[in-house]
Each structure stands twice: as C-alpha cells, then as structure tokens.
Amino acid sequence: MSRRQLISLLALGALLALVVYLALRNPKPPFLPADDAHRAFDGAEACLTCHGPGGPSPQAQKHPVGRDCMRCHAFR
C-alpha cells in the first residue's frame, strides 16, 4: 500500500467517524407528556407560558431557538 493510499484511507476513516459521531450525538426530541397540561395543547404560545423564560419549567439553555414546538416534539 502506497503512502497516498494510506493517507486517503485514513482521511476516509476520519470522515466516517465524524459522520457517525454527529448522527449519534443528536438524540430525538422527547414526546409531549400524556398529562392534562399537555393534552390541552394550543400551539407554541401555550408551550411558552410554562417553558419560556421565567416560566415554571423553562427550556434548557442548550435548547434550539424557535417557536415551532411541533416541528420537533410530537404526541405519542
């Protein structure tokens, strides 16, 4: 195996490892709980009354910015 082939193989392996890492580090967002508070879902504004800044259960700081909750979260 030539040096060029070895370098190409190592680069391909590193790229594959990066793709696997990125795919595995991004878990699926949680489902909405099946409780009374979430059964009455009325849109993102309703979510943000509890999960917005200053609410009783605010989003984590690493939570993506956005107001389209149902784009990621769903009912079971």
Protein backbone atom coordinates (compact mmCIF):
# COMPACT_ATOMS: atom_id res chain seq x y z
CA MET A 1 0.00 0.00 0.00
CA SER A 2 1.42 3.34 -1.01
CA ARG A 3 1.63 6.33 1.26
CA ARG A 4 -1.02 8.16 -0.79
CA GLN A 5 -3.46 5.25 -0.44
CA LEU A 6 -2.84 5.08 3.31
CA ILE A 7 -3.48 8.79 3.76
CA SER A 8 -6.67 8.54 1.68
CA LEU A 9 -7.85 5.57 3.72
CA LEU A 10 -7.16 7.39 7.00
CA ALA A 11 -8.98 10.50 5.76
CA LEU A 12 -11.98 8.40 4.73
CA GLY A 13 -11.98 6.68 8.13
CA ALA A 14 -11.86 10.02 9.92
CA LEU A 15 -14.76 11.33 7.82
CA LEU A 16 -16.79 8.21 8.56
CA ALA A 17 -16.08 8.56 12.29
CA LEU A 18 -17.22 12.20 12.18
CA VAL A 19 -20.47 11.28 10.43
CA VAL A 20 -21.19 8.54 12.98
CA TYR A 21 -20.40 10.89 15.88
CA LEU A 22 -22.73 13.61 14.54
CA ALA A 23 -25.52 11.12 13.91
CA LEU A 24 -25.34 9.64 17.40
CA ARG A 25 -24.94 12.85 19.41
CA ASN A 26 -28.25 14.33 18.26
CA PRO A 27 -30.97 12.33 20.06
CA LYS A 28 -34.60 12.59 19.08
CA PRO A 29 -36.56 15.25 20.96
CA PRO A 30 -38.91 13.98 23.67
CA PHE A 31 -42.59 13.35 23.11
CA LEU A 32 -45.10 15.60 24.83
CA PRO A 33 -46.13 14.01 28.13
CA ALA A 34 -49.58 12.43 28.23
CA ASP A 35 -50.78 14.56 31.14
CA ASP A 36 -53.63 17.06 31.49
CA ALA A 37 -51.40 20.09 30.94
CA HIS A 38 -50.19 18.81 27.57
CA ARG A 39 -53.48 17.31 26.36
CA ALA A 40 -54.83 20.84 26.12
CA PHE A 41 -52.05 21.78 23.65
CA ASP A 42 -52.97 25.03 21.93
CA GLY A 43 -49.87 25.97 19.95
CA ALA A 44 -46.42 27.29 20.70
CA GLU A 45 -47.66 30.25 22.74
CA ALA A 46 -49.24 27.80 25.19
CA CYS A 47 -45.94 25.92 25.41
CA LEU A 48 -44.01 29.08 26.15
CA THR A 49 -46.21 30.05 29.10
CA CYS A 50 -44.57 27.18 31.02
CA HIS A 51 -41.40 26.54 29.01
CA GLY A 52 -40.47 30.12 28.13
CA PRO A 53 -38.13 32.35 30.14
CA GLY A 54 -39.48 32.88 33.63
CA GLY A 55 -41.96 30.00 33.33
CA PRO A 56 -42.21 27.23 35.91
CA SER A 57 -40.34 24.77 33.65
CA PRO A 58 -38.15 26.81 31.26
CA GLN A 59 -36.28 25.30 28.32
CA ALA A 60 -32.67 24.36 28.89
CA GLN A 61 -30.11 26.89 27.69
CA LYS A 62 -28.90 24.43 25.03
CA HIS A 63 -32.45 24.13 23.60
CA PRO A 64 -32.61 25.36 19.99
CA VAL A 65 -34.25 28.73 19.48
CA GLY A 66 -37.64 28.57 17.84
CA ARG A 67 -41.36 28.80 18.38
CA ASP A 68 -42.50 25.86 16.23
CA CYS A 69 -42.59 23.26 19.03
CA MET A 70 -44.41 20.64 17.00
CA ARG A 71 -41.69 20.63 14.35
CA CYS A 72 -39.62 18.53 16.77
CA HIS A 73 -41.92 17.44 19.60
CA ALA A 74 -44.97 15.26 19.00
CA PHE A 75 -47.71 13.35 20.78
CA ARG A 76 -47.18 9.63 21.30
